[in-house]
């Protein structure tokens, strides 16, 4: 993945940040904006792991608006030759050759993250009132939305806090493992 456009100008008035241009997004295979939405999260809420494929595959550009997150993007092994963001905190390869890209302590002053439609996205809010903005290239389709266990032993993702402290909705809490 090439880097998305990210410009931040700071002066006495404050700051001006541009993190999306059609040209740069198109160069990364993101051709159209169909939905823009935001989640607001209390501390230790975990959303994911999710992706949307099928008839309505959905790429996302995510951007922290407020607060702090640990973001994880899982690239399944079948997708080789993917270049990962050079802003990542770390990148690990699982025993199944899946790649997990870590973006730790991700805040509003850091660049947006492009999540391809084949990748799984999950994030943990590290502060109350943490907000994540999504720019999506397709509409949400419940029938094409997939959810997987964020604590799947095949991935062994470190979320940065103990599982007993994490809040998940029922769907995420009881999602299947990826290789089931």
Protein backbone atom coordinates (compact mmCIF):
# COMPACT_ATOMS: atom_id res chain seq x y z
CA UNK A 1 0.00 0.00 0.00
CA UNK A 2 1.28 3.43 -0.86
CA UNK A 3 0.89 6.08 1.78
CA UNK A 4 -2.31 8.08 1.73
CA UNK A 5 -2.01 11.81 1.44
CA UNK A 6 -1.48 13.37 4.84
CA UNK A 7 -0.65 17.00 5.42
CA UNK A 8 -0.73 18.85 8.69
CA UNK A 9 -0.07 22.57 8.97
CA UNK A 10 0.36 24.08 12.42
CA UNK A 11 0.51 27.77 13.21
CA UNK A 12 -0.61 30.16 15.96
CA UNK A 13 -4.30 29.61 15.12
CA UNK A 14 -4.07 25.84 15.60
CA UNK A 15 -3.78 23.24 12.85
CA UNK A 16 -5.18 22.32 9.46
CA UNK A 17 -5.07 18.66 8.45
CA UNK A 18 -5.82 17.14 5.06
CA UNK A 19 -5.89 13.37 4.96
CA UNK A 20 -7.91 12.51 1.87
CA UNK A 21 -7.56 13.44 -1.78
CA UNK A 22 -9.32 11.61 -4.58
CA UNK A 23 -6.11 11.28 -6.61
CA UNK A 24 -4.08 9.70 -3.82
CA UNK A 25 -6.95 7.45 -2.79
CA UNK A 26 -7.45 6.34 -6.42
CA UNK A 27 -3.77 5.44 -6.70
CA UNK A 28 -4.43 3.01 -3.83
CA UNK A 29 -7.50 1.46 -5.48
CA UNK A 30 -10.03 3.56 -3.57
CA UNK A 31 -12.17 5.06 -6.32
CA UNK A 32 -15.42 6.26 -4.82
CA UNK A 33 -16.85 7.42 -1.51
CA UNK A 34 -20.19 5.73 -0.75
CA UNK A 35 -20.40 6.11 3.04
CA UNK A 36 -18.81 8.21 5.75
CA UNK A 37 -19.49 7.31 9.37
CA UNK A 38 -17.94 7.49 12.82
CA UNK A 39 -17.87 5.39 15.95
CA UNK A 40 -17.66 6.84 19.46
CA UNK A 41 -16.14 4.49 22.00
CA UNK A 42 -15.63 4.25 25.74
CA UNK A 43 -12.26 3.10 27.08
CA UNK A 44 -11.51 -0.58 26.38
CA UNK A 45 -14.19 -1.08 23.73
CA UNK A 46 -12.95 -3.52 21.10
CA UNK A 47 -14.55 -3.46 17.66
CA UNK A 48 -13.72 -6.24 15.23
CA UNK A 49 -12.30 -8.17 13.61
CA UNK A 50 -14.49 -7.27 10.61
CA UNK A 51 -14.42 -7.03 6.84
CA UNK A 52 -16.97 -6.80 4.06
CA UNK A 53 -16.58 -8.95 0.96
CA UNK A 54 -19.04 -10.74 -1.37
CA UNK A 55 -21.32 -8.64 -3.59
CA UNK A 56 -20.46 -5.43 -1.72
CA UNK A 57 -16.72 -5.50 -0.92
CA UNK A 58 -15.79 -2.45 1.11
CA UNK A 59 -12.42 -0.77 1.46
CA UNK A 60 -12.09 1.72 4.26
CA UNK A 61 -9.96 4.65 5.09
CA UNK A 62 -10.04 5.07 8.86
CA UNK A 63 -8.94 8.16 10.73
CA UNK A 64 -8.83 8.84 14.45
CA UNK A 65 -10.79 12.02 15.21
CA UNK A 66 -10.44 12.02 18.99
CA UNK A 67 -8.80 9.87 21.64
CA UNK A 68 -6.40 7.00 21.20
CA UNK A 69 -6.62 3.50 19.72
CA UNK A 70 -4.66 0.31 19.21
CA UNK A 71 -5.53 -0.62 15.62
CA UNK A 72 -4.90 -4.05 14.09
CA UNK A 73 -5.18 -4.89 10.38
CA UNK A 74 -4.94 -8.58 9.48
CA UNK A 75 -3.89 -9.48 5.94
CA UNK A 76 -4.77 -13.14 5.27
CA UNK A 77 -1.94 -15.27 3.83
CA UNK A 78 -3.63 -15.60 0.44
CA UNK A 79 -2.90 -11.92 -0.22
CA UNK A 80 0.83 -11.83 -0.91
CA UNK A 81 2.74 -8.89 -2.36
CA UNK A 82 0.93 -6.36 -0.19
CA UNK A 83 3.05 -3.43 0.90
CA UNK A 84 2.14 -2.30 4.40
CA UNK A 85 2.13 1.19 5.83
CA UNK A 86 5.52 2.45 6.92
CA UNK A 87 3.74 4.22 9.80
CA UNK A 88 2.92 0.90 11.48
CA UNK A 89 4.24 0.28 14.99
CA UNK A 90 5.15 -3.30 14.06
CA UNK A 91 4.28 -6.06 11.61
CA UNK A 92 4.19 -9.74 12.53
CA UNK A 93 3.65 -12.92 10.54
CA UNK A 94 1.59 -15.72 12.09
CA UNK A 95 2.26 -19.45 11.82
CA UNK A 96 -0.37 -19.50 9.03
CA UNK A 97 1.56 -16.76 7.17
CA UNK A 98 -1.09 -14.14 7.85
CA UNK A 99 0.32 -10.67 8.43
CA UNK A 100 -0.86 -8.50 11.30
CA UNK A 101 -0.03 -4.82 11.16
CA UNK A 102 -0.05 -2.98 14.50
CA UNK A 103 -0.79 0.71 14.88
CA UNK A 104 -0.34 1.31 18.63
CA UNK A 105 -1.44 4.47 20.45
CA UNK A 106 -2.93 5.85 17.22
CA UNK A 107 -4.20 9.41 17.65
CA UNK A 108 -5.76 12.20 15.59
CA UNK A 109 -2.41 13.74 14.67
CA UNK A 110 -1.29 10.53 12.93
CA UNK A 111 -2.09 9.55 9.31
CA UNK A 112 -5.22 7.71 8.17
CA UNK A 113 -5.03 3.97 7.54
CA UNK A 114 -6.21 2.32 4.32
CA UNK A 115 -7.87 -1.04 4.96
CA UNK A 116 -8.35 -3.16 1.78
CA UNK A 117 -11.60 -5.09 1.44
CA UNK A 118 -9.84 -8.44 1.98
CA UNK A 119 -8.21 -7.36 5.27
CA UNK A 120 -9.71 -7.72 8.74
CA UNK A 121 -9.95 -4.59 10.87
CA UNK A 122 -10.13 -4.35 14.63
CA UNK A 123 -9.40 -1.63 17.14
CA UNK A 124 -9.36 -1.05 20.87
CA UNK A 125 -10.22 2.37 22.32
CA UNK A 126 -7.63 3.41 24.89
CA UNK A 127 -9.54 6.46 26.19
CA UNK A 128 -13.15 7.45 26.80
CA UNK A 129 -14.81 9.37 23.96
CA UNK A 130 -12.39 7.97 21.36
CA UNK A 131 -13.80 8.58 17.88
CA UNK A 132 -12.93 6.76 14.64
CA UNK A 133 -13.99 8.14 11.26
CA UNK A 134 -14.60 5.75 8.34
CA UNK A 135 -14.59 6.68 4.67
CA UNK A 136 -15.91 3.65 2.75
CA UNK A 137 -15.97 2.90 -0.97
CA UNK A 138 -19.15 0.82 -0.77
CA UNK A 139 -22.34 0.79 1.27
CA UNK A 140 -22.70 -1.43 4.32
CA UNK A 141 -24.25 -4.81 3.52
CA UNK A 142 -25.21 -6.97 6.47
CA UNK A 143 -25.19 -10.05 4.21
CA UNK A 144 -21.57 -9.41 3.14
CA UNK A 145 -20.21 -8.33 6.52
CA UNK A 146 -17.93 -10.88 8.17
CA UNK A 147 -16.86 -10.95 11.79
CA UNK A 148 -14.07 -13.01 13.35
CA UNK A 149 -12.82 -13.63 16.88
CA UNK A 150 -10.44 -10.84 17.94
CA UNK A 151 -8.82 -13.36 20.31
CA UNK A 152 -8.41 -16.10 17.69
CA UNK A 153 -5.38 -18.19 18.73
CA UNK A 154 -4.30 -18.39 15.07
CA UNK A 155 -3.63 -14.63 15.18
CA UNK A 156 -2.58 -14.23 18.85
CA UNK A 157 -3.16 -10.48 18.63
CA UNK A 158 -1.83 -8.40 21.49
CA UNK A 159 -4.43 -5.68 22.09
CA UNK A 160 -2.38 -3.97 24.79
CA UNK A 161 -4.65 -4.82 27.72
CA UNK A 162 -6.01 -7.95 29.34
CA UNK A 163 -9.06 -9.55 27.74
CA UNK A 164 -11.01 -9.36 31.02
CA UNK A 165 -10.88 -5.52 30.78
CA UNK A 166 -12.26 -5.39 27.23
CA UNK A 167 -15.86 -4.63 26.24
CA UNK A 168 -17.29 -6.21 23.09
CA UNK A 169 -20.79 -6.42 21.70
CA UNK A 170 -22.40 -9.86 21.63
CA UNK A 171 -21.73 -10.43 17.95
CA UNK A 172 -18.00 -9.76 18.30
CA UNK A 173 -17.69 -11.67 21.56
CA UNK A 174 -19.08 -14.85 19.97
CA UNK A 175 -17.56 -14.55 16.48
CA UNK A 176 -15.96 -17.65 14.99
CA UNK A 177 -12.25 -18.16 14.53
CA UNK A 178 -10.90 -17.34 11.08
CA UNK A 179 -9.86 -20.87 10.14
CA UNK A 180 -13.05 -22.61 11.33
